[in-house]
PDB file of N, CA and C in Angstrom:
ATOM      1  N   MET A   1      11.957 -10.473  17.977  1.00  0.00           N
ATOM      2  CA  MET A   1      13.019  -9.825  17.102  1.00  0.00           C
ATOM      3  C   MET A   1      12.809 -10.753  15.668  1.00  0.00           C
ATOM      4  N   ILE A   2      13.019  -9.938  14.694  1.00  0.00           N
ATOM      5  CA  ILE A   2      13.059 -10.464  13.353  1.00  0.00           C
ATOM      6  C   ILE A   2      14.455 -10.215  12.635  1.00  0.00           C
ATOM      7  N   GLU A   3      15.006 -11.254  12.169  1.00  0.00           N
ATOM      8  CA  GLU A   3      16.361 -11.080  11.652  1.00  0.00           C
ATOM      9  C   GLU A   3      16.377 -11.462  10.169  1.00  0.00           C
ATOM     10  N   GLY A   4      17.279 -10.625   9.462  1.00  0.00           N
ATOM     11  CA  GLY A   4      17.415 -10.962   8.016  1.00  0.00           C
ATOM     12  C   GLY A   4      18.877 -10.616   7.620  1.00  0.00           C
ATOM     13  N   VAL A   5      19.147 -10.418   6.305  1.00  0.00           N
ATOM     14  CA  VAL A   5      20.459 -10.257   5.790  1.00  0.00           C
ATOM     15  C   VAL A   5      20.400  -9.305   4.693  1.00  0.00           C
ATOM     16  N   VAL A   6      21.454  -8.542   4.435  1.00  0.00           N
ATOM     17  CA  VAL A   6      21.632  -7.738   3.214  1.00  0.00           C
ATOM     18  C   VAL A   6      22.035  -8.625   2.139  1.00  0.00           C
ATOM     19  N   ASN A   7      21.388  -8.594   0.999  1.00  0.00           N
ATOM     20  CA  ASN A   7      21.815  -9.432  -0.055  1.00  0.00           C
ATOM     21  C   ASN A   7      22.973  -8.768  -0.928  1.00  0.00           C
ATOM     22  N   ALA A   8      23.391  -9.626  -1.901  1.00  0.00           N
ATOM     23  CA  ALA A   8      24.463  -9.037  -2.749  1.00  0.00           C
ATOM     24  C   ALA A   8      23.951  -7.829  -3.652  1.00  0.00           C
ATOM     25  N   ALA A   9      22.730  -7.543  -3.612  1.00  0.00           N
ATOM     26  CA  ALA A   9      22.249  -6.351  -4.437  1.00  0.00           C
ATOM     27  C   ALA A   9      22.121  -5.178  -3.459  1.00  0.00           C
ATOM     28  N   TYR A  10      22.536  -5.374  -2.104  1.00  0.00           N
ATOM     29  CA  TYR A  10      22.490  -4.382  -1.051  1.00  0.00           C
ATOM     30  C   TYR A  10      21.023  -4.030  -0.657  1.00  0.00           C
ATOM     31  N   GLU A  11      20.169  -5.156  -0.736  1.00  0.00           N
ATOM     32  CA  GLU A  11      18.807  -4.938  -0.234  1.00  0.00           C
ATOM     33  C   GLU A  11      18.688  -5.725   1.073  1.00  0.00           C
ATOM     34  N   PRO A  12      18.130  -4.969   2.096  1.00  0.00           N
ATOM     35  CA  PRO A  12      17.889  -5.732   3.387  1.00  0.00           C
ATOM     36  C   PRO A  12      16.598  -6.706   3.203  1.00  0.00           C
ATOM     37  N   VAL A  13      16.634  -7.924   3.342  1.00  0.00           N
ATOM     38  CA  VAL A  13      15.652  -8.887   3.215  1.00  0.00           C
ATOM     39  C   VAL A  13      15.385  -9.640   4.561  1.00  0.00           C
ATOM     40  N   ILE A  14      14.050 -10.033   4.565  1.00  0.00           N
ATOM     41  CA  ILE A  14      13.781 -10.850   5.829  1.00  0.00           C
ATOM     42  C   ILE A  14      12.713 -11.960   5.145  1.00  0.00           C
ATOM     43  N   ILE A  15      12.691 -13.023   5.912  1.00  0.00           N
ATOM     44  CA  ILE A  15      11.783 -14.105   5.466  1.00  0.00           C
ATOM     45  C   ILE A  15      10.415 -13.926   6.400  1.00  0.00           C
ATOM     46  N   LEU A  16       9.435 -13.842   5.696  1.00  0.00           N
ATOM     47  CA  LEU A  16       7.985 -13.822   6.316  1.00  0.00           C
ATOM     48  C   LEU A  16       7.142 -14.874   6.101  1.00  0.00           C
ATOM     49  N   SER A  17       6.355 -15.345   7.011  1.00  0.00           N
ATOM     50  CA  SER A  17       5.323 -16.281   6.768  1.00  0.00           C
ATOM     51  C   SER A  17       4.003 -15.560   6.636  1.00  0.00           C
ATOM     52  N   VAL A  18       3.418 -15.752   5.562  1.00  0.00           N
ATOM     53  CA  VAL A  18       2.092 -14.990   5.322  1.00  0.00           C
ATOM     54  C   VAL A  18       1.034 -16.197   5.201  1.00  0.00           C
ATOM     55  N   GLN A  19      -0.202 -15.882   5.777  1.00  0.00           N
ATOM     56  CA  GLN A  19      -1.237 -16.900   5.675  1.00  0.00           C
ATOM     57  C   GLN A  19      -2.530 -16.462   5.291  1.00  0.00           C
ATOM     58  N   GLY A  20      -3.283 -17.362   4.442  1.00  0.00           N
ATOM     59  CA  GLY A  20      -4.512 -16.989   4.034  1.00  0.00           C
ATOM     60  C   GLY A  20      -5.609 -17.410   4.950  1.00  0.00           C
ATOM     61  N   PRO A  21      -6.895 -17.131   4.735  1.00  0.00           N
ATOM     62  CA  PRO A  21      -7.990 -17.283   5.589  1.00  0.00           C
ATOM     63  C   PRO A  21      -8.278 -18.667   5.913  1.00  0.00           C
ATOM     64  N   SER A  22      -7.967 -19.745   5.061  1.00  0.00           N
ATOM     65  CA  SER A  22      -8.205 -21.098   5.338  1.00  0.00           C
ATOM     66  C   SER A  22      -6.986 -21.770   5.953  1.00  0.00           C
ATOM     67  N   GLY A  23      -5.979 -20.867   6.378  1.00  0.00           N
ATOM     68  CA  GLY A  23      -4.836 -21.538   7.161  1.00  0.00           C
ATOM     69  C   GLY A  23      -3.657 -21.883   6.276  1.00  0.00           C
ATOM     70  N   GLN A  24      -3.824 -21.880   4.857  1.00  0.00           N
ATOM     71  CA  GLN A  24      -2.601 -22.175   4.235  1.00  0.00           C
ATOM     72  C   GLN A  24      -1.726 -21.057   4.215  1.00  0.00           C
ATOM     73  N   SER A  25      -0.384 -21.360   4.045  1.00  0.00           N
ATOM     74  CA  SER A  25       0.612 -20.373   4.347  1.00  0.00           C
ATOM     75  C   SER A  25       1.814 -20.514   3.433  1.00  0.00           C
ATOM     76  N   SER A  26       2.572 -19.519   3.375  1.00  0.00           N
ATOM     77  CA  SER A  26       3.835 -19.527   2.467  1.00  0.00           C
ATOM     78  C   SER A  26       4.823 -18.634   2.991  1.00  0.00           C
ATOM     79  N   GLU A  27       6.126 -19.148   2.789  1.00  0.00           N
ATOM     80  CA  GLU A  27       7.199 -18.203   3.393  1.00  0.00           C
ATOM     81  C   GLU A  27       7.646 -17.385   2.103  1.00  0.00           C
ATOM     82  N   VAL A  28       7.908 -16.119   2.384  1.00  0.00           N
ATOM     83  CA  VAL A  28       8.298 -15.206   1.276  1.00  0.00           C
ATOM     84  C   VAL A  28       9.455 -14.408   1.748  1.00  0.00           C
ATOM     85  N   GLU A  29      10.467 -14.109   0.737  1.00  0.00           N
ATOM     86  CA  GLU A  29      11.436 -13.229   1.060  1.00  0.00           C
ATOM     87  C   GLU A  29      11.039 -11.931   0.620  1.00  0.00           C
ATOM     88  N   ALA A  30      11.094 -10.998   1.588  1.00  0.00           N
ATOM     89  CA  ALA A  30      10.706  -9.560   1.352  1.00  0.00           C
ATOM     90  C   ALA A  30      11.806  -8.616   1.672  1.00  0.00           C
ATOM     91  N   VAL A  31      11.767  -7.588   0.774  1.00  0.00           N
ATOM     92  CA  VAL A  31      12.799  -6.433   0.951  1.00  0.00           C
ATOM     93  C   VAL A  31      12.226  -5.327   2.003  1.00  0.00           C
ATOM     94  N   VAL A  32      12.883  -4.995   2.835  1.00  0.00           N
ATOM     95  CA  VAL A  32      12.605  -3.869   3.721  1.00  0.00           C
ATOM     96  C   VAL A  32      12.737  -2.628   3.013  1.00  0.00           C
ATOM     97  N   ASP A  33      11.660  -1.896   2.830  1.00  0.00           N
ATOM     98  CA  ASP A  33      11.548  -0.683   2.022  1.00  0.00           C
ATOM     99  C   ASP A  33      11.083   0.486   2.882  1.00  0.00           C
ATOM    100  N   THR A  34      12.077   1.322   3.265  1.00  0.00           N
ATOM    101  CA  THR A  34      11.662   2.404   4.179  1.00  0.00           C
ATOM    102  C   THR A  34      10.885   3.532   3.341  1.00  0.00           C
ATOM    103  N   GLY A  35      10.943   3.465   1.884  1.00  0.00           N
ATOM    104  CA  GLY A  35      10.258   4.454   1.167  1.00  0.00           C
ATOM    105  C   GLY A  35       8.834   3.971   0.963  1.00  0.00           C
ATOM    106  N   PHE A  36       8.430   2.816   1.247  1.00  0.00           N
ATOM    107  CA  PHE A  36       7.040   2.374   1.182  1.00  0.00           C
ATOM    108  C   PHE A  36       6.239   2.489   2.470  1.00  0.00           C
ATOM    109  N   THR A  37       5.330   3.415   2.408  1.00  0.00           N
ATOM    110  CA  THR A  37       4.528   3.629   3.618  1.00  0.00           C
ATOM    111  C   THR A  37       3.433   2.789   4.022  1.00  0.00           C
ATOM    112  N   GLY A  38       3.184   1.721   3.160  1.00  0.00           N
ATOM    113  CA  GLY A  38       2.159   0.709   3.376  1.00  0.00           C
ATOM    114  C   GLY A  38       2.748  -0.265   4.427  1.00  0.00           C
ATOM    115  N   PHE A  39       1.813  -1.386   4.497  1.00  0.00           N
ATOM    116  CA  PHE A  39       2.304  -2.459   5.383  1.00  0.00           C
ATOM    117  C   PHE A  39       3.213  -3.498   4.585  1.00  0.00           C
ATOM    118  N   LEU A  40       2.581  -3.991   3.438  1.00  0.00           N
ATOM    119  CA  LEU A  40       3.335  -5.178   2.855  1.00  0.00           C
ATOM    120  C   LEU A  40       2.789  -5.137   1.412  1.00  0.00           C
ATOM    121  N   THR A  41       3.680  -5.687   0.435  1.00  0.00           N
ATOM    122  CA  THR A  41       3.141  -6.091  -0.882  1.00  0.00           C
ATOM    123  C   THR A  41       3.347  -7.552  -1.101  1.00  0.00           C
ATOM    124  N   VAL A  42       2.420  -8.147  -1.820  1.00  0.00           N
ATOM    125  CA  VAL A  42       2.535  -9.662  -2.174  1.00  0.00           C
ATOM    126  C   VAL A  42       2.277  -9.625  -3.613  1.00  0.00           C
ATOM    127  N   THR A  43       2.812 -10.724  -4.281  1.00  0.00           N
ATOM    128  CA  THR A  43       2.437 -10.892  -5.706  1.00  0.00           C
ATOM    129  C   THR A  43       1.074 -11.336  -5.896  1.00  0.00           C
ATOM    130  N   PRO A  44       0.340 -10.889  -7.027  1.00  0.00           N
ATOM    131  CA  PRO A  44      -0.915 -11.428  -7.371  1.00  0.00           C
ATOM    132  C   PRO A  44      -1.075 -12.929  -7.246  1.00  0.00           C
ATOM    133  N   ALA A  45      -0.003 -13.515  -7.702  1.00  0.00           N
ATOM    134  CA  ALA A  45       0.051 -15.034  -7.724  1.00  0.00           C
ATOM    135  C   ALA A  45      -0.113 -15.583  -6.362  1.00  0.00           C
ATOM    136  N   LEU A  46       0.645 -14.978  -5.360  1.00  0.00           N
ATOM    137  CA  LEU A  46       0.519 -15.518  -3.993  1.00  0.00           C
ATOM    138  C   LEU A  46      -0.764 -15.113  -3.311  1.00  0.00           C
ATOM    139  N   ALA A  47      -1.418 -14.058  -3.696  1.00  0.00           N
ATOM    140  CA  ALA A  47      -2.749 -13.646  -3.218  1.00  0.00           C
ATOM    141  C   ALA A  47      -3.781 -14.806  -3.662  1.00  0.00           C
ATOM    142  N   THR A  48      -3.667 -15.283  -4.971  1.00  0.00           N
ATOM    143  CA  THR A  48      -4.500 -16.267  -5.487  1.00  0.00           C
ATOM    144  C   THR A  48      -4.145 -17.608  -4.676  1.00  0.00           C
ATOM    145  N   GLU A  49      -2.942 -17.928  -4.700  1.00  0.00           N
ATOM    146  CA  GLU A  49      -2.504 -19.173  -3.980  1.00  0.00           C
ATOM    147  C   GLU A  49      -3.066 -19.331  -2.567  1.00  0.00           C
ATOM    148  N   LEU A  50      -2.963 -18.192  -1.794  1.00  0.00           N
ATOM    149  CA  LEU A  50      -3.426 -18.211  -0.410  1.00  0.00           C
ATOM    150  C   LEU A  50      -4.941 -17.915  -0.350  1.00  0.00           C
ATOM    151  N   GLY A  51      -5.690 -17.675  -1.440  1.00  0.00           N
ATOM    152  CA  GLY A  51      -7.133 -17.339  -1.307  1.00  0.00           C
ATOM    153  C   GLY A  51      -7.365 -16.159  -0.468  1.00  0.00           C
ATOM    154  N   LEU A  52      -6.457 -15.025  -0.517  1.00  0.00           N
ATOM    155  CA  LEU A  52      -6.682 -13.814   0.179  1.00  0.00           C
ATOM    156  C   LEU A  52      -7.956 -13.190  -0.206  1.00  0.00           C
ATOM    157  N   ALA A  53      -8.591 -12.497   0.785  1.00  0.00           N
ATOM    158  CA  ALA A  53      -9.817 -11.812   0.549  1.00  0.00           C
ATOM    159  C   ALA A  53      -9.583 -10.349   0.083  1.00  0.00           C
ATOM    160  N   LEU A  54     -10.098 -10.091  -1.081  1.00  0.00           N
ATOM    161  CA  LEU A  54      -9.905  -8.699  -1.814  1.00  0.00           C
ATOM    162  C   LEU A  54     -10.714  -7.670  -1.007  1.00  0.00           C
ATOM    163  N   GLU A  55      -9.972  -6.646  -0.520  1.00  0.00           N
ATOM    164  CA  GLU A  55     -10.559  -5.644   0.314  1.00  0.00           C
ATOM    165  C   GLU A  55     -11.000  -4.495  -0.487  1.00  0.00           C
ATOM    166  N   GLY A  56     -10.357  -4.322  -1.725  1.00  0.00           N
ATOM    167  CA  GLY A  56     -10.564  -3.115  -2.602  1.00  0.00           C
ATOM    168  C   GLY A  56      -9.424  -2.774  -3.357  1.00  0.00           C
ATOM    169  N   THR A  57      -9.311  -1.478  -3.631  1.00  0.00           N
ATOM    170  CA  THR A  57      -8.004  -1.032  -4.440  1.00  0.00           C
ATOM    171  C   THR A  57      -7.511   0.192  -3.782  1.00  0.00           C
ATOM    172  N   SER A  58      -6.264   0.542  -4.060  1.00  0.00           N
ATOM    173  CA  SER A  58      -5.676   1.763  -3.588  1.00  0.00           C
ATOM    174  C   SER A  58      -4.721   2.312  -4.732  1.00  0.00           C
ATOM    175  N   ARG A  59      -4.439   3.508  -4.530  1.00  0.00           N
ATOM    176  CA  ARG A  59      -3.585   4.188  -5.571  1.00  0.00           C
ATOM    177  C   ARG A  59      -2.193   4.472  -4.968  1.00  0.00           C
ATOM    178  N   GLY A  60      -1.174   4.295  -5.667  1.00  0.00           N
ATOM    179  CA  GLY A  60       0.181   4.552  -5.156  1.00  0.00           C
ATOM    180  C   GLY A  60       1.011   5.229  -6.196  1.00  0.00           C
ATOM    181  N   THR A  61       2.064   5.978  -5.684  1.00  0.00           N
ATOM    182  CA  THR A  61       3.085   6.554  -6.578  1.00  0.00           C
ATOM    183  C   THR A  61       4.302   5.827  -6.399  1.00  0.00           C
ATOM    184  N   LEU A  62       4.893   5.379  -7.592  1.00  0.00           N
ATOM    185  CA  LEU A  62       6.032   4.690  -7.673  1.00  0.00           C
ATOM    186  C   LEU A  62       7.289   5.645  -7.672  1.00  0.00           C
ATOM    187  N   ALA A  63       8.510   5.048  -7.408  1.00  0.00           N
ATOM    188  CA  ALA A  63       9.671   5.854  -7.310  1.00  0.00           C
ATOM    189  C   ALA A  63       9.920   6.746  -8.634  1.00  0.00           C
ATOM    190  N   ASP A  64       9.358   6.302  -9.738  1.00  0.00           N
ATOM    191  CA  ASP A  64       9.659   7.108 -10.927  1.00  0.00           C
ATOM    192  C   ASP A  64       8.539   8.129 -11.118  1.00  0.00           C
ATOM    193  N   GLY A  65       7.709   8.328 -10.072  1.00  0.00           N
ATOM    194  CA  GLY A  65       6.700   9.308 -10.164  1.00  0.00           C
ATOM    195  C   GLY A  65       5.328   8.882 -10.829  1.00  0.00           C
ATOM    196  N   SER A  66       5.271   7.761 -11.333  1.00  0.00           N
ATOM    197  CA  SER A  66       4.052   7.211 -12.101  1.00  0.00           C
ATOM    198  C   SER A  66       2.998   6.784 -10.974  1.00  0.00           C
ATOM    199  N   GLU A  67       1.803   6.892 -11.214  1.00  0.00           N
ATOM    200  CA  GLU A  67       0.817   6.523 -10.311  1.00  0.00           C
ATOM    201  C   GLU A  67       0.325   5.114 -10.825  1.00  0.00           C
ATOM    202  N   VAL A  68      -0.087   4.251  -9.967  1.00  0.00           N
ATOM    203  CA  VAL A  68      -0.645   2.956 -10.253  1.00  0.00           C
ATOM    204  C   VAL A  68      -1.750   2.636  -9.271  1.00  0.00           C
ATOM    205  N   THR A  69      -2.594   1.620  -9.579  1.00  0.00           N
ATOM    206  CA  THR A  69      -3.652   1.124  -8.782  1.00  0.00           C
ATOM    207  C   THR A  69      -3.291  -0.343  -8.449  1.00  0.00           C
ATOM    208  N   PHE A  70      -3.523  -0.601  -7.241  1.00  0.00           N
ATOM    209  CA  PHE A  70      -3.139  -1.875  -6.604  1.00  0.00           C
ATOM    210  C   PHE A  70      -4.450  -2.607  -6.107  1.00  0.00           C
ATOM    211  N   ASP A  71      -4.653  -3.940  -6.322  1.00  0.00           N
ATOM    212  CA  ASP A  71      -5.608  -4.526  -5.504  1.00  0.00           C
ATOM    213  C   ASP A  71      -5.066  -4.788  -4.032  1.00  0.00           C
ATOM    214  N   VAL A  72      -5.970  -4.558  -3.076  1.00  0.00           N
ATOM    215  CA  VAL A  72      -5.604  -4.644  -1.720  1.00  0.00           C
ATOM    216  C   VAL A  72      -6.183  -5.906  -1.034  1.00  0.00           C
ATOM    217  N   TYR A  73      -5.592  -6.753  -0.356  1.00  0.00           N
ATOM    218  CA  TYR A  73      -5.990  -7.977   0.360  1.00  0.00           C
ATOM    219  C   TYR A  73      -5.624  -7.997   1.784  1.00  0.00           C
ATOM    220  N   ASP A  74      -6.621  -8.683   2.492  1.00  0.00           N
ATOM    221  CA  ASP A  74      -6.347  -8.995   4.046  1.00  0.00           C
ATOM    222  C   ASP A  74      -5.394 -10.130   3.975  1.00  0.00           C
ATOM    223  N   VAL A  75      -4.346 -10.024   4.915  1.00  0.00           N
ATOM    224  CA  VAL A  75      -3.432 -11.180   5.007  1.00  0.00           C
ATOM    225  C   VAL A  75      -2.909 -11.207   6.438  1.00  0.00           C
ATOM    226  N   ALA A  76      -2.735 -12.482   6.988  1.00  0.00           N
ATOM    227  CA  ALA A  76      -2.010 -12.609   8.246  1.00  0.00           C
ATOM    228  C   ALA A  76      -0.531 -12.803   8.101  1.00  0.00           C
ATOM    229  N   VAL A  77       0.347 -12.148   8.808  1.00  0.00           N
ATOM    230  CA  VAL A  77       1.683 -12.107   8.766  1.00  0.00           C
ATOM    231  C   VAL A  77       2.161 -12.704  10.090  1.00  0.00           C
ATOM    232  N   LEU A  78       3.019 -13.628  10.203  1.00  0.00           N
ATOM    233  CA  LEU A  78       3.763 -14.017  11.409  1.00  0.00           C
ATOM    234  C   LEU A  78       4.807 -13.111  11.722  1.00  0.00           C
ATOM    235  N   TRP A  79       4.382 -12.152  12.642  1.00  0.00           N
ATOM    236  CA  TRP A  79       5.259 -10.989  13.035  1.00  0.00           C
ATOM    237  C   TRP A  79       5.792 -11.008  14.325  1.00  0.00           C
ATOM    238  N   ASP A  80       7.141 -11.183  14.497  1.00  0.00           N
ATOM    239  CA  ASP A  80       7.736 -11.283  15.814  1.00  0.00           C
ATOM    240  C   ASP A  80       7.060 -12.291  16.690  1.00  0.00           C
ATOM    241  N   GLY A  81       6.709 -13.494  15.945  1.00  0.00           N
ATOM    242  CA  GLY A  81       6.267 -14.671  16.682  1.00  0.00           C
ATOM    243  C   GLY A  81       4.692 -14.638  16.872  1.00  0.00           C
ATOM    244  N   HIS A  82       3.967 -13.795  16.324  1.00  0.00           N
ATOM    245  CA  HIS A  82       2.590 -13.606  16.632  1.00  0.00           C
ATOM    246  C   HIS A  82       1.803 -13.269  15.195  1.00  0.00           C
ATOM    247  N   PRO A  83       0.677 -13.800  15.030  1.00  0.00           N
ATOM    248  CA  PRO A  83      -0.034 -13.369  13.806  1.00  0.00           C
ATOM    249  C   PRO A  83      -0.462 -11.890  13.804  1.00  0.00           C
ATOM    250  N   ARG A  84      -0.376 -11.301  12.798  1.00  0.00           N
ATOM    251  CA  ARG A  84      -0.690  -9.793  12.690  1.00  0.00           C
ATOM    252  C   ARG A  84      -1.575  -9.668  11.477  1.00  0.00           C
ATOM    253  N   TYR A  85      -2.659  -9.105  11.321  1.00  0.00           N
ATOM    254  CA  TYR A  85      -3.545  -8.935  10.309  1.00  0.00           C
ATOM    255  C   TYR A  85      -3.379  -7.612   9.732  1.00  0.00           C
ATOM    256  N   VAL A  86      -3.003  -7.489   8.534  1.00  0.00           N
ATOM    257  CA  VAL A  86      -2.713  -6.254   7.747  1.00  0.00           C
ATOM    258  C   VAL A  86      -3.407  -6.278   6.373  1.00  0.00           C
ATOM    259  N   LEU A  87      -3.076  -5.143   5.699  1.00  0.00           N
ATOM    260  CA  LEU A  87      -3.440  -5.151   4.370  1.00  0.00           C
ATOM    261  C   LEU A  87      -2.250  -5.136   3.523  1.00  0.00           C
ATOM    262  N   ALA A  88      -2.353  -5.889   2.435  1.00  0.00           N
ATOM    263  CA  ALA A  88      -1.180  -5.985   1.492  1.00  0.00           C
ATOM    264  C   ALA A  88      -1.670  -5.630   0.177  1.00  0.00           C
ATOM    265  N   ASP A  89      -0.830  -4.721  -0.415  1.00  0.00           N
ATOM    266  CA  ASP A  89      -0.944  -4.406  -1.937  1.00  0.00           C
ATOM    267  C   ASP A  89      -0.500  -5.512  -2.836  1.00  0.00           C
ATOM    268  N   ALA A  90      -1.137  -5.795  -3.989  1.00  0.00           N
ATOM    269  CA  ALA A  90      -0.677  -6.831  -4.799  1.00  0.00           C
ATOM    270  C   ALA A  90       0.148  -6.037  -5.881  1.00  0.00           C
ATOM    271  N   ALA A  91       1.398  -6.543  -6.130  1.00  0.00           N
ATOM    272  CA  ALA A  91       2.232  -5.948  -7.071  1.00  0.00           C
ATOM    273  C   ALA A  91       3.134  -7.076  -7.709  1.00  0.00           C
ATOM    274  N   ASP A  92       3.380  -6.958  -9.007  1.00  0.00           N
ATOM    275  CA  ASP A  92       4.243  -7.976  -9.731  1.00  0.00           C
ATOM    276  C   ASP A  92       5.661  -7.557  -9.537  1.00  0.00           C
ATOM    277  N   THR A  93       6.080  -7.659  -8.284  1.00  0.00           N
ATOM    278  CA  THR A  93       7.580  -7.415  -7.919  1.00  0.00           C
ATOM    279  C   THR A  93       7.865  -8.148  -6.698  1.00  0.00           C
ATOM    280  N   THR A  94       9.093  -8.097  -6.312  1.00  0.00           N
ATOM    281  CA  THR A  94       9.609  -8.653  -5.016  1.00  0.00           C
ATOM    282  C   THR A  94       8.695  -8.231  -3.936  1.00  0.00           C
ATOM    283  N   PRO A  95       8.199  -9.016  -2.981  1.00  0.00           N
ATOM    284  CA  PRO A  95       7.414  -8.480  -1.850  1.00  0.00           C
ATOM    285  C   PRO A  95       8.192  -7.475  -1.072  1.00  0.00           C
ATOM    286  N   LEU A  96       7.539  -6.417  -0.516  1.00  0.00           N
ATOM    287  CA  LEU A  96       8.049  -5.443   0.153  1.00  0.00           C
ATOM    288  C   LEU A  96       7.455  -5.239   1.640  1.00  0.00           C
ATOM    289  N   VAL A  97       8.391  -5.018   2.671  1.00  0.00           N
ATOM    290  CA  VAL A  97       8.000  -4.671   3.939  1.00  0.00           C
ATOM    291  C   VAL A  97       7.895  -3.174   4.085  1.00  0.00           C
ATOM    292  N   GLY A  98       6.770  -2.583   4.454  1.00  0.00           N
ATOM    293  CA  GLY A  98       6.826  -1.174   4.429  1.00  0.00           C
ATOM    294  C   GLY A  98       6.764  -0.636   5.984  1.00  0.00           C
ATOM    295  N   MET A  99       6.884   0.717   6.096  1.00  0.00           N
ATOM    296  CA  MET A  99       6.989   1.376   7.328  1.00  0.00           C
ATOM    297  C   MET A  99       5.826   1.036   8.227  1.00  0.00           C
ATOM    298  N   ARG A 100       4.584   0.820   7.788  1.00  0.00           N
ATOM    299  CA  ARG A 100       3.502   0.689   8.722  1.00  0.00           C
ATOM    300  C   ARG A 100       3.633  -0.713   9.436  1.00  0.00           C
ATOM    301  N   LEU A 101       4.196  -1.683   8.668  1.00  0.00           N
ATOM    302  CA  LEU A 101       4.353  -2.987   9.333  1.00  0.00           C
ATOM    303  C   LEU A 101       5.405  -2.942  10.408  1.00  0.00           C
ATOM    304  N   MET A 102       6.520  -1.931  10.277  1.00  0.00           N
ATOM    305  CA  MET A 102       7.491  -1.835  11.163  1.00  0.00           C
ATOM    306  C   MET A 102       7.092  -0.770  12.367  1.00  0.00           C
ATOM    307  N   ASP A 103       5.901  -0.382  12.281  1.00  0.00           N
ATOM    308  CA  ASP A 103       5.507   0.682  13.207  1.00  0.00           C
ATOM    309  C   ASP A 103       5.790   0.173  14.755  1.00  0.00           C
ATOM    310  N   ARG A 104       6.365   1.045  15.602  1.00  0.00           N
ATOM    311  CA  ARG A 104       6.761   0.790  16.895  1.00  0.00           C
ATOM    312  C   ARG A 104       7.802  -0.246  16.964  1.00  0.00           C
ATOM    313  N   HIS A 105       8.623  -0.269  15.995  1.00  0.00           N
ATOM    314  CA  HIS A 105       9.854  -1.139  16.105  1.00  0.00           C
ATOM    315  C   HIS A 105      11.100  -0.391  15.685  1.00  0.00           C
ATOM    316  N   ASN A 106      12.265  -0.845  16.018  1.00  0.00           N
ATOM    317  CA  ASN A 106      13.572  -0.248  15.624  1.00  0.00           C
ATOM    318  C   ASN A 106      14.051  -1.162  14.521  1.00  0.00           C
ATOM    319  N   LEU A 107      14.650  -0.526  13.524  1.00  0.00           N
ATOM    320  CA  LEU A 107      15.303  -1.191  12.270  1.00  0.00           C
ATOM    321  C   LEU A 107      16.805  -0.833  12.421  1.00  0.00           C
ATOM    322  N   ASN A 108      17.552  -2.039  12.409  1.00  0.00           N
ATOM    323  CA  ASN A 108      19.077  -1.731  12.325  1.00  0.00           C
ATOM    324  C   ASN A 108      19.574  -2.701  11.230  1.00  0.00           C
ATOM    325  N   ILE A 109      20.469  -1.981  10.398  1.00  0.00           N
ATOM    326  CA  ILE A 109      20.941  -2.608   9.079  1.00  0.00           C
ATOM    327  C   ILE A 109      22.548  -2.445   9.104  1.00  0.00           C
ATOM    328  N   ASP A 110      23.251  -3.577   9.122  1.00  0.00           N
ATOM    329  CA  ASP A 110      24.680  -3.489   8.878  1.00  0.00           C
ATOM    330  C   ASP A 110      24.821  -3.498   7.456  1.00  0.00           C
ATOM    331  N   ILE A 111      25.090  -2.238   6.768  1.00  0.00           N
ATOM    332  CA  ILE A 111      25.102  -2.165   5.371  1.00  0.00           C
ATOM    333  C   ILE A 111      26.377  -2.634   4.825  1.00  0.00           C
ATOM    334  N   GLU A 112      26.415  -3.901   4.435  1.00  0.00           N
ATOM    335  CA  GLU A 112      27.505  -4.550   3.623  1.00  0.00           C
ATOM    336  C   GLU A 112      26.788  -5.850   3.181  1.00  0.00           C
ATOM    337  N   ASP A 113      27.485  -6.404   2.155  1.00  0.00           N
ATOM    338  CA  ASP A 113      26.984  -7.724   1.570  1.00  0.00           C
ATOM    339  C   ASP A 113      26.999  -8.768   2.661  1.00  0.00           C
ATOM    340  N   GLY A 114      25.868  -9.360   3.062  1.00  0.00           N
ATOM    341  CA  GLY A 114      25.780 -10.284   4.082  1.00  0.00           C
ATOM    342  C   GLY A 114      25.588  -9.681   5.526  1.00  0.00           C
ATOM    343  N   GLY A 115      25.428  -8.297   5.553  1.00  0.00           N
ATOM    344  CA  GLY A 115      25.123  -7.737   6.741  1.00  0.00           C
ATOM    345  C   GLY A 115      23.800  -8.005   7.462  1.00  0.00           C
ATOM    346  N   ARG A 116      23.765  -7.822   8.607  1.00  0.00           N
ATOM    347  CA  ARG A 116      22.679  -8.197   9.505  1.00  0.00           C
ATOM    348  C   ARG A 116      21.583  -7.269   9.416  1.00  0.00           C
ATOM    349  N   VAL A 117      20.423  -7.734   9.368  1.00  0.00           N
ATOM    350  CA  VAL A 117      19.193  -6.877   9.433  1.00  0.00           C
ATOM    351  C   VAL A 117      18.296  -7.290  10.748  1.00  0.00           C
ATOM    352  N   VAL A 118      18.057  -6.318  11.570  1.00  0.00           N
ATOM    353  CA  VAL A 118      17.336  -6.669  12.776  1.00  0.00           C
ATOM    354  C   VAL A 118      16.189  -5.709  12.981  1.00  0.00           C
ATOM    355  N   ILE A 119      14.937  -6.280  13.181  1.00  0.00           N
ATOM    356  CA  ILE A 119      13.791  -5.439  13.522  1.00  0.00           C
ATOM    357  C   ILE A 119      13.382  -5.868  14.814  1.00  0.00           C
ATOM    358  N   GLN A 120      13.279  -4.858  15.791  1.00  0.00           N
ATOM    359  CA  GLN A 120      12.951  -5.322  17.108  1.00  0.00           C
ATOM    360  C   GLN A 120      11.838  -4.317  17.728  1.00  0.00           C
ATOM    361  N   ALA A 121      10.988  -4.995  18.296  1.00  0.00           N
ATOM    362  CA  ALA A 121       9.913  -4.195  19.175  1.00  0.00           C
ATOM    363  C   ALA A 121      10.358  -3.171  20.150  1.00  0.00           C
ATOM    364  N   LYS A 122       9.939  -1.966  20.038  1.00  0.00           N
ATOM    365  CA  LYS A 122      10.401  -0.986  21.018  1.00  0.00           C
ATOM    366  C   LYS A 122       9.832  -1.398  22.385  1.00  0.00           C
ATOM    367  N   ASN A 123      10.511  -1.078  23.515  1.00  0.00           N
ATOM    368  CA  ASN A 123      10.139  -1.456  24.813  1.00  0.00           C
ATOM    369  C   ASN A 123       9.071  -0.376  25.328  1.00  0.00           C
TER     370      ASN A 123
END
């Protein structure tokens, strides 16, 4: 089970440990974004800091309808106590947890400032 909290801006946030190929890791606060269909976003600075391997690029459509191109990196995420290897888009914004990372999980959010966020594997 992964737990987090709803912040004062009413964003559901969790803390994730992300790891690069040489074992260096960083804890990041990420917003759970049900409108993001990818796995994860990380900042370009974090991708550089962890020495993440560039896999290529992808195109995405932002909430305002504009299209952008993202660098895509391989990253290991400590997910529900186990390393999980996923693709992360690099974006100059708060890291996001997308729907693919939460595949086969239940998401429960107590929507209030300080509310509980729970992501739990389905049985």
